[in-house]
Amino acid sequence: MHNYLVNASVQIVPIVLDKHPYEWVDEAIAIIQQSGIHYEVTPFATILEGTYDEVMRVLHNINEELYKKGCAEWISNVQLQVRSKGDVTSNEKTEKFKH
């Protein structure tokens, strides 16, 4: 895959009774924060911006870490936008709505 920026959103939905689901979501966000890629936490999903390989690595690391830490079950909702010949950024999609 190319090295242009891609734009993705990831939503982790824990299906657990062992602790509050937000605690598992916080685990996922910590992995994103440690990744070094650009991100924005929103109430329903976290937006990621990096190369395809960087974003895929973060998604892989989230799932691996939740598994290792004993999360019984979760859903990873992912949306990914890729452009063949250029970057895709969050800002280009939302800039006109900022006030």
Protein backbone atom coordinates (compact mmCIF):
# COMPACT_ATOMS: atom_id res chain seq x y z
CA MET A 1 0.00 0.00 0.00
CA HIS A 2 1.13 3.58 -0.57
CA ASN A 3 2.38 5.96 2.13
CA TYR A 4 -0.32 8.60 1.82
CA LEU A 5 -2.38 9.41 4.90
CA VAL A 6 -5.57 7.45 5.39
CA ASN A 7 -8.42 8.38 7.66
CA ALA A 8 -10.15 5.88 9.91
CA SER A 9 -12.51 5.69 12.83
CA VAL A 10 -12.49 2.90 15.37
CA GLN A 11 -15.15 2.16 17.94
CA ILE A 12 -14.56 -0.58 20.50
CA VAL A 13 -17.74 -2.05 21.95
CA PRO A 14 -16.92 -4.37 24.86
CA ILE A 15 -19.48 -7.11 25.54
CA VAL A 16 -18.52 -7.76 29.15
CA LEU A 17 -19.84 -7.93 32.67
CA ASP A 18 -16.49 -8.04 34.52
CA LYS A 19 -16.00 -4.26 34.66
CA HIS A 20 -17.47 -1.11 33.19
CA PRO A 21 -17.08 -1.13 29.37
CA TYR A 22 -15.48 2.34 29.46
CA GLU A 23 -12.49 0.80 31.23
CA TRP A 24 -11.85 -1.43 28.23
CA VAL A 25 -12.36 1.52 25.87
CA ASP A 26 -9.79 3.46 27.90
CA GLU A 27 -7.34 0.58 27.34
CA ALA A 28 -7.86 0.88 23.59
CA ILE A 29 -7.40 4.67 23.65
CA ALA A 30 -4.15 4.27 25.61
CA ILE A 31 -2.80 2.06 22.81
CA ILE A 32 -3.76 4.72 20.25
CA GLN A 33 -2.08 7.42 22.34
CA GLN A 34 1.13 5.39 22.54
CA SER A 35 1.17 4.77 18.78
CA GLY A 36 2.36 8.24 17.85
CA ILE A 37 -0.18 8.69 15.05
CA HIS A 38 -2.59 11.61 14.90
CA TYR A 39 -5.89 10.86 16.63
CA GLU A 40 -9.00 12.54 18.02
CA VAL A 41 -11.20 10.98 20.67
CA THR A 42 -14.90 11.66 20.15
CA PRO A 43 -17.89 10.44 22.19
CA PHE A 44 -18.66 7.52 19.86
CA ALA A 45 -15.38 6.67 18.10
CA THR A 46 -11.75 7.65 17.87
CA ILE A 47 -10.50 9.09 14.60
CA LEU A 48 -7.09 7.94 13.37
CA GLU A 49 -4.87 9.51 10.75
CA GLY A 50 -1.68 7.89 9.51
CA THR A 51 -0.37 5.71 6.74
CA TYR A 52 -2.33 2.57 5.96
CA ASP A 53 0.30 0.41 7.65
CA GLU A 54 0.36 2.61 10.77
CA VAL A 55 -3.43 2.57 11.13
CA MET A 56 -3.63 -1.19 10.56
CA ARG A 57 -0.88 -1.75 13.13
CA VAL A 58 -2.80 0.29 15.73
CA LEU A 59 -6.00 -1.68 15.05
CA HIS A 60 -4.07 -4.94 15.39
CA ASN A 61 -2.43 -3.76 18.62
CA ILE A 62 -5.79 -2.80 20.14
CA ASN A 63 -7.25 -6.23 19.47
CA GLU A 64 -4.12 -8.02 20.71
CA GLU A 65 -3.97 -5.98 23.91
CA LEU A 66 -7.65 -6.47 24.75
CA TYR A 67 -7.17 -10.20 24.21
CA LYS A 68 -4.01 -10.33 26.37
CA LYS A 69 -5.66 -8.35 29.18
CA GLY A 70 -8.59 -10.75 29.30
CA CYS A 71 -11.45 -8.85 27.69
CA ALA A 72 -14.00 -11.63 27.15
CA GLU A 73 -15.61 -10.24 23.99
CA TRP A 74 -15.74 -7.04 21.96
CA ILE A 75 -16.78 -5.63 18.63
CA SER A 76 -14.37 -3.46 16.63
CA ASN A 77 -16.30 -1.13 14.36
CA VAL A 78 -13.89 0.33 11.81
CA GLN A 79 -14.37 2.75 8.96
CA LEU A 80 -11.40 3.37 6.67
CA GLN A 81 -11.05 5.88 3.86
CA VAL A 82 -8.18 5.43 1.41
CA ARG A 83 -7.36 7.67 -1.55
CA SER A 84 -5.17 6.20 -4.29
CA LYS A 85 -3.24 9.34 -5.14
CA GLY A 86 -3.12 11.55 -2.08
CA ASP A 87 -3.76 12.05 1.60
CA VAL A 88 -7.16 11.80 3.27
CA THR A 89 -7.39 13.98 6.37
CA SER A 90 -10.03 14.67 8.95
CA ASN A 91 -9.48 18.39 8.55
CA GLU A 92 -10.43 18.43 4.88
CA LYS A 93 -13.75 16.84 5.77
CA THR A 94 -14.60 18.98 8.79
CA GLU A 95 -12.80 22.31 8.38
CA LYS A 96 -15.81 24.16 6.93
CA PHE A 97 -17.90 23.27 9.97
CA LYS A 98 -15.50 24.56 12.63
CA HIS A 99 -16.42 27.78 14.34
